[in-house]
Amino acid sequence: MSAFERVALVTGSGSGLGRVTAMAFARDGYGVAVSDVNPEFGVETVATIRRAGGQASFFEADVSQPAAVQQLVADVASSFGSLHVAVNNAGIVGPSTPFHEYHYDAWDRLLAVNLTGVFLCMQSEVSHMRAAGGGAIVNVSSRAGLVGAAGRGGYAATKHGVVGLTRTAAVEYAGQGIRVNAVCPGAIMTPMLESVLAEDPGSRARYEETSPMARLALPEEVADSIVWLCSPAASFINGAALPIDGGAAAR
């Protein structure tokens, strides 16, 4: 029997959406495995959760490395006693570059983190959840996983790939009690977006114009949706790619 009734692993939870998502799971009573490639940021997330009365531990991992991912999931299951929920959030945005000028190294790194990272994490998570009798996985894609994103060809390609992996795994493992969904957020006010806005101060207005609601999302709005997708309230939702973009993808 698990030492925790519910355990959630959130990758890339050292900052931004990942941190807010980890905090949301902790508030909902989960034991939270905080994972990030940056230990300083990850430890701060754990400290924030613990100060609020939650339960969390940090696990350093580079999701682009197969051995590191396998060790991560094994360590989480061993430390907490089980793994019920996984959120594959770790990702990078890459450069803003016209498609014909996109550099191979940038393309290769985006694939390694954003797509191969999700693939590797899902493999290990599914293997554990099959043995444990089920679970729920949410992969963080993007609005750029549903539509084109001018200047962000590598990023859009990886996020479309995440949706494809999500739907395939959802079909394959539904009969084994594992639900797999994706969220596709629009622009969220996180450190990642802030770095993009810093490159081009006028881009904030353009991001806001893409949404019928004419604003950027708060990370809490996306995090709460992720927690809900992992809950019994969403028990018949499987294989979804949920837009959280104020209606932008509906245009």
C-alpha atoms as a PDB file:
ATOM      1  CA  MET A   1       0.000   0.000   0.000  1.00  0.00           C
ATOM      2  CA  SER A   2       1.207   3.490  -0.863  1.00  0.00           C
ATOM      3  CA  ALA A   3       2.378   5.673   1.992  1.00  0.00           C
ATOM      4  CA  PHE A   4       0.394   8.445   0.268  1.00  0.00           C
ATOM      5  CA  GLU A   5      -3.196   8.114  -0.891  1.00  0.00           C
ATOM      6  CA  ARG A   6      -2.375  10.141  -4.020  1.00  0.00           C
ATOM      7  CA  VAL A   7       1.039  10.880  -5.524  1.00  0.00           C
ATOM      8  CA  ALA A   8       1.735  13.260  -8.417  1.00  0.00           C
ATOM      9  CA  LEU A   9       4.939  13.730 -10.401  1.00  0.00           C
ATOM     10  CA  VAL A  10       5.347  17.066 -12.185  1.00  0.00           C
ATOM     11  CA  THR A  11       8.339  17.508 -14.480  1.00  0.00           C
ATOM     12  CA  GLY A  12       9.747  20.953 -15.126  1.00  0.00           C
ATOM     13  CA  SER A  13       8.252  22.126 -11.844  1.00  0.00           C
ATOM     14  CA  GLY A  14      11.132  24.331 -10.771  1.00  0.00           C
ATOM     15  CA  SER A  15       9.359  27.406 -12.097  1.00  0.00           C
ATOM     16  CA  GLY A  16       6.489  28.721 -14.174  1.00  0.00           C
ATOM     17  CA  LEU A  17       3.469  26.542 -14.942  1.00  0.00           C
ATOM     18  CA  GLY A  18       5.181  23.460 -13.496  1.00  0.00           C
ATOM     19  CA  ARG A  19       5.709  25.111 -10.128  1.00  0.00           C
ATOM     20  CA  VAL A  20       2.140  26.390  -9.959  1.00  0.00           C
ATOM     21  CA  THR A  21       0.830  22.959 -10.978  1.00  0.00           C
ATOM     22  CA  ALA A  22       2.877  21.224  -8.286  1.00  0.00           C
ATOM     23  CA  MET A  23       1.508  23.684  -5.732  1.00  0.00           C
ATOM     24  CA  ALA A  24      -2.059  23.029  -6.922  1.00  0.00           C
ATOM     25  CA  PHE A  25      -1.662  19.266  -6.485  1.00  0.00           C
ATOM     26  CA  ALA A  26      -0.223  19.791  -3.016  1.00  0.00           C
ATOM     27  CA  ARG A  27      -3.197  21.961  -2.032  1.00  0.00           C
ATOM     28  CA  ASP A  28      -5.450  19.160  -3.248  1.00  0.00           C
ATOM     29  CA  GLY A  29      -3.774  16.728  -0.837  1.00  0.00           C
ATOM     30  CA  TYR A  30      -1.305  14.970  -3.107  1.00  0.00           C
ATOM     31  CA  GLY A  31       2.206  14.020  -2.183  1.00  0.00           C
ATOM     32  CA  VAL A  32       4.124  15.840  -4.920  1.00  0.00           C
ATOM     33  CA  ALA A  33       7.316  14.767  -6.653  1.00  0.00           C
ATOM     34  CA  VAL A  34       8.894  17.968  -7.929  1.00  0.00           C
ATOM     35  CA  SER A  35      11.320  17.338 -10.781  1.00  0.00           C
ATOM     36  CA  ASP A  36      13.500  19.760 -12.697  1.00  0.00           C
ATOM     37  CA  VAL A  37      16.883  19.896 -14.385  1.00  0.00           C
ATOM     38  CA  ASN A  38      17.736  22.881 -12.144  1.00  0.00           C
ATOM     39  CA  PRO A  39      18.050  21.765  -8.515  1.00  0.00           C
ATOM     40  CA  GLU A  40      18.019  25.303  -7.107  1.00  0.00           C
ATOM     41  CA  PHE A  41      14.645  26.042  -8.651  1.00  0.00           C
ATOM     42  CA  GLY A  42      13.224  22.622  -7.753  1.00  0.00           C
ATOM     43  CA  VAL A  43      14.238  22.884  -4.108  1.00  0.00           C
ATOM     44  CA  GLU A  44      12.560  26.294  -3.932  1.00  0.00           C
ATOM     45  CA  THR A  45       9.315  24.798  -5.248  1.00  0.00           C
ATOM     46  CA  VAL A  46       9.478  22.114  -2.554  1.00  0.00           C
ATOM     47  CA  ALA A  47      10.123  24.740   0.111  1.00  0.00           C
ATOM     48  CA  THR A  48       7.150  26.785  -1.091  1.00  0.00           C
ATOM     49  CA  ILE A  49       4.874  23.748  -0.923  1.00  0.00           C
ATOM     50  CA  ARG A  50       6.086  22.758   2.516  1.00  0.00           C
ATOM     51  CA  ARG A  51       5.659  26.291   3.871  1.00  0.00           C
ATOM     52  CA  ALA A  52       2.023  26.043   2.826  1.00  0.00           C
ATOM     53  CA  GLY A  53       1.634  22.737   4.699  1.00  0.00           C
ATOM     54  CA  GLY A  54       1.948  20.400   1.702  1.00  0.00           C
ATOM     55  CA  GLN A  55       4.074  17.304   1.125  1.00  0.00           C
ATOM     56  CA  ALA A  56       6.770  17.413  -1.557  1.00  0.00           C
ATOM     57  CA  SER A  57      10.234  16.131  -2.415  1.00  0.00           C
ATOM     58  CA  PHE A  58      12.680  17.089  -5.152  1.00  0.00           C
ATOM     59  CA  PHE A  59      14.083  14.779  -7.830  1.00  0.00           C
ATOM     60  CA  GLU A  60      16.647  16.173 -10.266  1.00  0.00           C
ATOM     61  CA  ALA A  61      16.334  14.877 -13.826  1.00  0.00           C
ATOM     62  CA  ASP A  62      17.043  15.814 -17.425  1.00  0.00           C
ATOM     63  CA  VAL A  63      14.024  14.437 -19.283  1.00  0.00           C
ATOM     64  CA  SER A  64      15.960  14.155 -22.541  1.00  0.00           C
ATOM     65  CA  GLN A  65      18.132  11.384 -21.055  1.00  0.00           C
ATOM     66  CA  PRO A  66      16.611   7.860 -21.008  1.00  0.00           C
ATOM     67  CA  ALA A  67      18.523   6.590 -17.965  1.00  0.00           C
ATOM     68  CA  ALA A  68      17.710   9.739 -15.987  1.00  0.00           C
ATOM     69  CA  VAL A  69      13.987   9.389 -16.705  1.00  0.00           C
ATOM     70  CA  GLN A  70      13.900   5.717 -15.752  1.00  0.00           C
ATOM     71  CA  GLN A  71      15.705   6.527 -12.508  1.00  0.00           C
ATOM     72  CA  LEU A  72      13.359   9.432 -11.822  1.00  0.00           C
ATOM     73  CA  VAL A  73      10.186   7.369 -12.001  1.00  0.00           C
ATOM     74  CA  ALA A  74      11.759   4.516 -10.018  1.00  0.00           C
ATOM     75  CA  ASP A  75      12.931   6.932  -7.303  1.00  0.00           C
ATOM     76  CA  VAL A  76       9.530   8.644  -7.068  1.00  0.00           C
ATOM     77  CA  ALA A  77       7.695   5.329  -6.736  1.00  0.00           C
ATOM     78  CA  SER A  78      10.198   4.126  -4.154  1.00  0.00           C
ATOM     79  CA  SER A  79      10.178   7.354  -2.135  1.00  0.00           C
ATOM     80  CA  PHE A  80       6.416   7.909  -2.085  1.00  0.00           C
ATOM     81  CA  GLY A  81       5.312   4.284  -2.279  1.00  0.00           C
ATOM     82  CA  SER A  82       3.471   4.683  -5.585  1.00  0.00           C
ATOM     83  CA  LEU A  83       2.706   6.987  -8.505  1.00  0.00           C
ATOM     84  CA  HIS A  84      -0.875   7.827  -9.393  1.00  0.00           C
ATOM     85  CA  VAL A  85      -0.578  10.953 -11.543  1.00  0.00           C
ATOM     86  CA  ALA A  86       2.107  12.335 -13.856  1.00  0.00           C
ATOM     87  CA  VAL A  87       2.272  15.723 -15.542  1.00  0.00           C
ATOM     88  CA  ASN A  88       4.865  15.930 -18.294  1.00  0.00           C
ATOM     89  CA  ASN A  89       5.468  19.659 -18.357  1.00  0.00           C
ATOM     90  CA  ALA A  90       9.226  20.091 -18.864  1.00  0.00           C
ATOM     91  CA  GLY A  91       9.889  22.046 -22.029  1.00  0.00           C
ATOM     92  CA  ILE A  92      11.749  24.849 -23.751  1.00  0.00           C
ATOM     93  CA  VAL A  93      10.549  27.436 -26.262  1.00  0.00           C
ATOM     94  CA  GLY A  94      13.545  27.715 -28.595  1.00  0.00           C
ATOM     95  CA  PRO A  95      14.371  30.627 -30.884  1.00  0.00           C
ATOM     96  CA  SER A  96      12.006  32.803 -32.892  1.00  0.00           C
ATOM     97  CA  THR A  97      13.342  32.197 -36.384  1.00  0.00           C
ATOM     98  CA  PRO A  98      11.875  31.988 -39.901  1.00  0.00           C
ATOM     99  CA  PHE A  99      11.479  28.375 -40.933  1.00  0.00           C
ATOM    100  CA  HIS A 100      14.082  28.491 -43.720  1.00  0.00           C
ATOM    101  CA  GLU A 101      16.681  29.875 -41.285  1.00  0.00           C
ATOM    102  CA  TYR A 102      15.991  27.464 -38.415  1.00  0.00           C
ATOM    103  CA  HIS A 103      19.282  26.082 -37.146  1.00  0.00           C
ATOM    104  CA  TYR A 104      19.603  22.313 -36.783  1.00  0.00           C
ATOM    105  CA  ASP A 105      21.051  22.505 -33.269  1.00  0.00           C
ATOM    106  CA  ALA A 106      18.018  24.456 -32.041  1.00  0.00           C
ATOM    107  CA  TRP A 107      15.691  21.994 -33.774  1.00  0.00           C
ATOM    108  CA  ASP A 108      17.526  19.016 -32.279  1.00  0.00           C
ATOM    109  CA  ARG A 109      17.429  20.415 -28.747  1.00  0.00           C
ATOM    110  CA  LEU A 110      13.703  21.200 -28.962  1.00  0.00           C
ATOM    111  CA  LEU A 111      12.965  17.654 -30.097  1.00  0.00           C
ATOM    112  CA  ALA A 112      15.125  16.202 -27.317  1.00  0.00           C
ATOM    113  CA  VAL A 113      13.401  18.082 -24.505  1.00  0.00           C
ATOM    114  CA  ASN A 114       9.855  18.771 -25.701  1.00  0.00           C
ATOM    115  CA  LEU A 115       9.066  15.577 -27.590  1.00  0.00           C
ATOM    116  CA  THR A 116      11.585  12.867 -26.722  1.00  0.00           C
ATOM    117  CA  GLY A 117      11.338  13.985 -23.089  1.00  0.00           C
ATOM    118  CA  VAL A 118       7.580  13.413 -23.065  1.00  0.00           C
ATOM    119  CA  PHE A 119       8.018  10.087 -24.881  1.00  0.00           C
ATOM    120  CA  LEU A 120      10.566   8.844 -22.355  1.00  0.00           C
ATOM    121  CA  CYS A 121       8.563  10.013 -19.351  1.00  0.00           C
ATOM    122  CA  MET A 122       5.375   8.404 -20.636  1.00  0.00           C
ATOM    123  CA  GLN A 123       7.134   5.093 -21.243  1.00  0.00           C
ATOM    124  CA  SER A 124       8.374   4.888 -17.665  1.00  0.00           C
ATOM    125  CA  GLU A 125       5.163   6.253 -16.150  1.00  0.00           C
ATOM    126  CA  VAL A 126       2.952   3.872 -18.118  1.00  0.00           C
ATOM    127  CA  SER A 127       5.131   0.909 -17.197  1.00  0.00           C
ATOM    128  CA  HIS A 128       4.699   1.718 -13.513  1.00  0.00           C
ATOM    129  CA  MET A 129       0.989   2.520 -13.762  1.00  0.00           C
ATOM    130  CA  ARG A 130       0.232  -0.707 -15.649  1.00  0.00           C
ATOM    131  CA  ALA A 131       1.760  -2.699 -12.809  1.00  0.00           C
ATOM    132  CA  ALA A 132      -0.056  -0.575 -10.214  1.00  0.00           C
ATOM    133  CA  GLY A 133      -3.476  -0.916 -11.827  1.00  0.00           C
ATOM    134  CA  GLY A 134      -3.952   2.479 -13.445  1.00  0.00           C
ATOM    135  CA  GLY A 135      -3.300   6.191 -13.270  1.00  0.00           C
ATOM    136  CA  ALA A 136      -3.659   9.492 -15.072  1.00  0.00           C
ATOM    137  CA  ILE A 137      -1.157  11.350 -17.247  1.00  0.00           C
ATOM    138  CA  VAL A 138      -1.401  14.902 -18.553  1.00  0.00           C
ATOM    139  CA  ASN A 139       1.069  16.137 -21.157  1.00  0.00           C
ATOM    140  CA  VAL A 140       1.581  19.867 -21.567  1.00  0.00           C
ATOM    141  CA  SER A 141       1.317  20.747 -25.240  1.00  0.00           C
ATOM    142  CA  SER A 142       0.405  24.247 -26.428  1.00  0.00           C
ATOM    143  CA  ARG A 143      -1.955  26.149 -28.685  1.00  0.00           C
ATOM    144  CA  ALA A 144       0.997  25.771 -31.047  1.00  0.00           C
ATOM    145  CA  GLY A 145       0.240  22.040 -30.921  1.00  0.00           C
ATOM    146  CA  LEU A 146      -3.111  22.690 -32.585  1.00  0.00           C
ATOM    147  CA  VAL A 147      -2.329  25.471 -35.074  1.00  0.00           C
ATOM    148  CA  GLY A 148       0.683  26.931 -36.842  1.00  0.00           C
ATOM    149  CA  ALA A 149       3.055  29.287 -35.034  1.00  0.00           C
ATOM    150  CA  ALA A 150       4.960  31.611 -37.341  1.00  0.00           C
ATOM    151  CA  GLY A 151       8.616  31.850 -36.348  1.00  0.00           C
ATOM    152  CA  ARG A 152       8.302  28.929 -33.932  1.00  0.00           C
ATOM    153  CA  GLY A 153       8.472  25.982 -36.325  1.00  0.00           C
ATOM    154  CA  GLY A 154      10.510  23.726 -34.052  1.00  0.00           C
ATOM    155  CA  TYR A 155       8.364  24.472 -31.022  1.00  0.00           C
ATOM    156  CA  ALA A 156       5.121  23.922 -32.952  1.00  0.00           C
ATOM    157  CA  ALA A 157       6.388  20.636 -34.387  1.00  0.00           C
ATOM    158  CA  THR A 158       7.240  19.261 -30.949  1.00  0.00           C
ATOM    159  CA  LYS A 159       3.926  20.356 -29.455  1.00  0.00           C
ATOM    160  CA  HIS A 160       1.955  18.781 -32.312  1.00  0.00           C
ATOM    161  CA  GLY A 161       3.985  15.644 -31.626  1.00  0.00           C
ATOM    162  CA  VAL A 162       2.978  15.722 -27.953  1.00  0.00           C
ATOM    163  CA  VAL A 163      -0.686  15.679 -28.984  1.00  0.00           C
ATOM    164  CA  GLY A 164      -0.023  12.675 -31.223  1.00  0.00           C
ATOM    165  CA  LEU A 165       1.729  10.768 -28.439  1.00  0.00           C
ATOM    166  CA  THR A 166      -1.083  11.641 -26.056  1.00  0.00           C
ATOM    167  CA  ARG A 167      -3.828  10.322 -28.319  1.00  0.00           C
ATOM    168  CA  THR A 168      -1.913   7.166 -29.179  1.00  0.00           C
ATOM    169  CA  ALA A 169      -1.190   6.285 -25.543  1.00  0.00           C
ATOM    170  CA  ALA A 170      -4.782   7.088 -24.579  1.00  0.00           C
ATOM    171  CA  VAL A 171      -6.046   4.507 -27.064  1.00  0.00           C
ATOM    172  CA  GLU A 172      -3.453   1.890 -26.156  1.00  0.00           C
ATOM    173  CA  TYR A 173      -3.828   1.989 -22.365  1.00  0.00           C
ATOM    174  CA  ALA A 174      -7.442   2.914 -21.691  1.00  0.00           C
ATOM    175  CA  GLY A 175      -8.255  -0.742 -21.085  1.00  0.00           C
ATOM    176  CA  GLN A 176      -5.596  -0.871 -18.383  1.00  0.00           C
ATOM    177  CA  GLY A 177      -7.029   1.961 -16.322  1.00  0.00           C
ATOM    178  CA  ILE A 178      -4.657   4.661 -17.556  1.00  0.00           C
ATOM    179  CA  ARG A 179      -6.069   7.917 -18.896  1.00  0.00           C
ATOM    180  CA  VAL A 180      -3.808  10.152 -20.983  1.00  0.00           C
ATOM    181  CA  ASN A 181      -4.752  13.714 -21.907  1.00  0.00           C
ATOM    182  CA  ALA A 182      -3.025  16.901 -23.017  1.00  0.00           C
ATOM    183  CA  VAL A 183      -3.570  20.559 -22.288  1.00  0.00           C
ATOM    184  CA  CYS A 184      -2.902  23.136 -24.998  1.00  0.00           C
ATOM    185  CA  PRO A 185      -2.461  26.509 -23.308  1.00  0.00           C
ATOM    186  CA  GLY A 186      -2.235  29.789 -25.106  1.00  0.00           C
ATOM    187  CA  ALA A 187       0.119  32.467 -23.839  1.00  0.00           C
ATOM    188  CA  ILE A 188       0.644  32.141 -20.068  1.00  0.00           C
ATOM    189  CA  MET A 189       2.359  34.730 -17.892  1.00  0.00           C
ATOM    190  CA  THR A 190       5.333  32.591 -16.871  1.00  0.00           C
ATOM    191  CA  PRO A 191       9.100  33.239 -16.861  1.00  0.00           C
ATOM    192  CA  MET A 192       9.333  31.428 -20.219  1.00  0.00           C
ATOM    193  CA  LEU A 193       6.898  33.854 -21.858  1.00  0.00           C
ATOM    194  CA  GLU A 194       8.473  36.806 -20.092  1.00  0.00           C
ATOM    195  CA  SER A 195      11.780  35.949 -21.796  1.00  0.00           C
ATOM    196  CA  VAL A 196       9.995  35.922 -25.144  1.00  0.00           C
ATOM    197  CA  LEU A 197       8.341  39.267 -24.425  1.00  0.00           C
ATOM    198  CA  ALA A 198      11.695  40.719 -23.417  1.00  0.00           C
ATOM    199  CA  GLU A 199      13.057  39.940 -26.891  1.00  0.00           C
ATOM    200  CA  ASP A 200      10.189  41.864 -28.484  1.00  0.00           C
ATOM    201  CA  PRO A 201       8.302  44.229 -26.143  1.00  0.00           C
ATOM    202  CA  GLY A 202       5.570  44.771 -28.734  1.00  0.00           C
ATOM    203  CA  SER A 203       4.759  41.071 -28.808  1.00  0.00           C
ATOM    204  CA  ARG A 204       2.547  41.202 -25.706  1.00  0.00           C
ATOM    205  CA  ALA A 205      -0.151  43.077 -27.584  1.00  0.00           C
ATOM    206  CA  ARG A 206       0.066  40.559 -30.426  1.00  0.00           C
ATOM    207  CA  TYR A 207      -0.291  37.642 -28.013  1.00  0.00           C
ATOM    208  CA  GLU A 208      -3.311  39.278 -26.413  1.00  0.00           C
ATOM    209  CA  GLU A 209      -4.902  39.866 -29.809  1.00  0.00           C
ATOM    210  CA  THR A 210      -4.802  36.139 -30.602  1.00  0.00           C
ATOM    211  CA  SER A 211      -7.380  35.416 -27.886  1.00  0.00           C
ATOM    212  CA  PRO A 212     -11.030  36.467 -28.102  1.00  0.00           C
ATOM    213  CA  MET A 213     -10.708  37.199 -24.377  1.00  0.00           C
ATOM    214  CA  ALA A 214      -7.905  39.663 -25.218  1.00  0.00           C
ATOM    215  CA  ARG A 215      -5.598  38.748 -22.361  1.00  0.00           C
ATOM    216  CA  LEU A 216      -2.880  36.347 -21.292  1.00  0.00           C
ATOM    217  CA  ALA A 217      -3.658  33.337 -19.116  1.00  0.00           C
ATOM    218  CA  LEU A 218      -2.632  33.066 -15.486  1.00  0.00           C
ATOM    219  CA  PRO A 219      -0.666  29.895 -14.709  1.00  0.00           C
ATOM    220  CA  GLU A 220      -3.217  29.026 -12.019  1.00  0.00           C
ATOM    221  CA  GLU A 221      -5.937  28.801 -14.664  1.00  0.00           C
ATOM    222  CA  VAL A 222      -4.002  26.114 -16.515  1.00  0.00           C
ATOM    223  CA  ALA A 223      -2.810  24.317 -13.370  1.00  0.00           C
ATOM    224  CA  ASP A 224      -6.356  23.963 -12.031  1.00  0.00           C
ATOM    225  CA  SER A 225      -7.428  22.406 -15.341  1.00  0.00           C
ATOM    226  CA  ILE A 226      -4.577  19.899 -15.132  1.00  0.00           C
ATOM    227  CA  VAL A 227      -5.513  18.868 -11.592  1.00  0.00           C
ATOM    228  CA  TRP A 228      -9.130  18.466 -12.689  1.00  0.00           C
ATOM    229  CA  LEU A 229      -8.153  16.268 -15.655  1.00  0.00           C
ATOM    230  CA  CYS A 230      -6.348  13.954 -13.223  1.00  0.00           C
ATOM    231  CA  SER A 231      -9.309  13.767 -10.835  1.00  0.00           C
ATOM    232  CA  PRO A 232     -12.293  11.383 -10.698  1.00  0.00           C
ATOM    233  CA  ALA A 233     -14.420  14.283 -11.978  1.00  0.00           C
ATOM    234  CA  ALA A 234     -12.771  13.750 -15.384  1.00  0.00           C
ATOM    235  CA  SER A 235     -12.944   9.953 -15.285  1.00  0.00           C
ATOM    236  CA  PHE A 236     -14.379   9.587 -18.828  1.00  0.00           C
ATOM    237  CA  ILE A 237     -12.036  12.090 -20.476  1.00  0.00           C
ATOM    238  CA  ASN A 238      -9.280  10.303 -22.361  1.00  0.00           C
ATOM    239  CA  GLY A 239      -7.228  11.283 -25.379  1.00  0.00           C
ATOM    240  CA  ALA A 240      -8.301  14.925 -25.222  1.00  0.00           C
ATOM    241  CA  ALA A 241      -6.162  17.857 -26.299  1.00  0.00           C
ATOM    242  CA  LEU A 242      -7.819  20.589 -24.226  1.00  0.00           C
ATOM    243  CA  PRO A 243      -7.331  24.148 -25.470  1.00  0.00           C
ATOM    244  CA  ILE A 244      -6.860  26.629 -22.614  1.00  0.00           C
ATOM    245  CA  ASP A 245      -6.458  29.747 -24.690  1.00  0.00           C
ATOM    246  CA  GLY A 246      -9.464  31.984 -24.204  1.00  0.00           C
ATOM    247  CA  GLY A 247     -10.998  30.719 -27.443  1.00  0.00           C
ATOM    248  CA  ALA A 248      -8.048  31.358 -29.766  1.00  0.00           C
ATOM    249  CA  ALA A 249      -8.076  27.875 -31.326  1.00  0.00           C
ATOM    250  CA  ALA A 250     -11.815  28.191 -31.964  1.00  0.00           C
ATOM    251  CA  ARG A 251     -11.276  30.938 -34.558  1.00  0.00           C
END
